[in-house]
Amino acid sequence: MPKVSKEPVERVTLKLPKSVATYLRKAFPHGRRSEFIAKCILEYKHNQEVSEIEQALKKLRT
């Protein structure tokens, strides 16, 4: 996944169950984990924005 921008990066600590953290390390090599987490968060953000727009449109229809 190519980086979208030259935005500065910030280190974040995630508290995950040990089994999930172990799987994350096994499934995604070093350097790919951050990309995966960022992609998931941005996808969630997009879905939330779509949901908010859908709710606003539903209110307009009634």
C-alpha atoms as a PDB file:
ATOM      1  CA  MET A   1       0.000   0.000   0.000  1.00  0.00           C
ATOM      2  CA  PRO A   2       1.659   3.271  -1.057  1.00  0.00           C
ATOM      3  CA  LYS A   3       1.651   6.080   1.451  1.00  0.00           C
ATOM      4  CA  VAL A   4      -1.030   8.631   0.655  1.00  0.00           C
ATOM      5  CA  SER A   5       0.722  11.676   2.067  1.00  0.00           C
ATOM      6  CA  LYS A   6       3.876  12.863   3.761  1.00  0.00           C
ATOM      7  CA  GLU A   7       1.914  13.399   6.962  1.00  0.00           C
ATOM      8  CA  PRO A   8       4.038  13.048  10.100  1.00  0.00           C
ATOM      9  CA  VAL A   9       3.607   9.766  11.951  1.00  0.00           C
ATOM     10  CA  GLU A  10       2.849   9.408  15.626  1.00  0.00           C
ATOM     11  CA  ARG A  11       3.518   6.405  17.816  1.00  0.00           C
ATOM     12  CA  VAL A  12       0.399   4.982  19.503  1.00  0.00           C
ATOM     13  CA  THR A  13       0.113   2.200  22.035  1.00  0.00           C
ATOM     14  CA  LEU A  14      -2.757  -0.227  21.548  1.00  0.00           C
ATOM     15  CA  LYS A  15      -3.989  -2.494  24.299  1.00  0.00           C
ATOM     16  CA  LEU A  16      -5.080  -5.750  22.704  1.00  0.00           C
ATOM     17  CA  PRO A  17      -5.782  -9.199  24.075  1.00  0.00           C
ATOM     18  CA  LYS A  18      -2.596 -11.256  23.923  1.00  0.00           C
ATOM     19  CA  SER A  19      -4.037 -13.689  21.373  1.00  0.00           C
ATOM     20  CA  VAL A  20      -4.986 -10.826  19.047  1.00  0.00           C
ATOM     21  CA  ALA A  21      -1.568  -9.172  19.395  1.00  0.00           C
ATOM     22  CA  THR A  22       0.158 -12.486  18.676  1.00  0.00           C
ATOM     23  CA  TYR A  23      -1.959 -12.998  15.563  1.00  0.00           C
ATOM     24  CA  LEU A  24      -1.306  -9.426  14.392  1.00  0.00           C
ATOM     25  CA  ARG A  25       2.452  -9.942  14.691  1.00  0.00           C
ATOM     26  CA  LYS A  26       2.264 -13.290  12.910  1.00  0.00           C
ATOM     27  CA  ALA A  27      -0.087 -12.175  10.111  1.00  0.00           C
ATOM     28  CA  PHE A  28       1.530  -8.824   9.349  1.00  0.00           C
ATOM     29  CA  PRO A  29       5.290  -8.378   9.146  1.00  0.00           C
ATOM     30  CA  HIS A  30       7.017  -5.441  10.793  1.00  0.00           C
ATOM     31  CA  GLY A  31       6.134  -2.235   8.947  1.00  0.00           C
ATOM     32  CA  ARG A  32       2.865  -3.599   7.565  1.00  0.00           C
ATOM     33  CA  ARG A  33       0.988  -3.601  10.859  1.00  0.00           C
ATOM     34  CA  SER A  34       0.724   0.173  11.006  1.00  0.00           C
ATOM     35  CA  GLU A  35      -0.513   0.319   7.422  1.00  0.00           C
ATOM     36  CA  PHE A  36      -3.164  -2.294   8.178  1.00  0.00           C
ATOM     37  CA  ILE A  37      -4.371  -0.538  11.342  1.00  0.00           C
ATOM     38  CA  ALA A  38      -4.434   2.864   9.585  1.00  0.00           C
ATOM     39  CA  LYS A  39      -6.408   1.390   6.673  1.00  0.00           C
ATOM     40  CA  CYS A  40      -8.953  -0.156   9.063  1.00  0.00           C
ATOM     41  CA  ILE A  41      -9.387   3.077  10.996  1.00  0.00           C
ATOM     42  CA  LEU A  42      -9.814   5.163   7.832  1.00  0.00           C
ATOM     43  CA  GLU A  43     -12.324   2.647   6.460  1.00  0.00           C
ATOM     44  CA  TYR A  44     -14.281   2.834   9.725  1.00  0.00           C
ATOM     45  CA  LYS A  45     -14.189   6.655   9.600  1.00  0.00           C
ATOM     46  CA  HIS A  46     -15.497   6.597   6.018  1.00  0.00           C
ATOM     47  CA  ASN A  47     -18.304   4.193   6.954  1.00  0.00           C
ATOM     48  CA  GLN A  48     -19.307   6.431   9.873  1.00  0.00           C
ATOM     49  CA  GLU A  49     -19.430   9.478   7.610  1.00  0.00           C
ATOM     50  CA  VAL A  50     -21.575   7.596   5.071  1.00  0.00           C
ATOM     51  CA  SER A  51     -23.899   6.469   7.855  1.00  0.00           C
ATOM     52  CA  GLU A  52     -24.279  10.051   9.110  1.00  0.00           C
ATOM     53  CA  ILE A  53     -25.124  11.280   5.604  1.00  0.00           C
ATOM     54  CA  GLU A  54     -27.654   8.460   5.158  1.00  0.00           C
ATOM     55  CA  GLN A  55     -29.308   9.368   8.455  1.00  0.00           C
ATOM     56  CA  ALA A  56     -29.513  13.037   7.434  1.00  0.00           C
ATOM     57  CA  LEU A  57     -31.087  12.083   4.104  1.00  0.00           C
ATOM     58  CA  LYS A  58     -33.627   9.850   5.848  1.00  0.00           C
ATOM     59  CA  LYS A  59     -34.632  12.775   8.061  1.00  0.00           C
ATOM     60  CA  LEU A  60     -35.115  14.957   4.983  1.00  0.00           C
ATOM     61  CA  ARG A  61     -37.396  12.385   3.337  1.00  0.00           C
ATOM     62  CA  THR A  62     -39.797  12.292   6.287  1.00  0.00           C
END
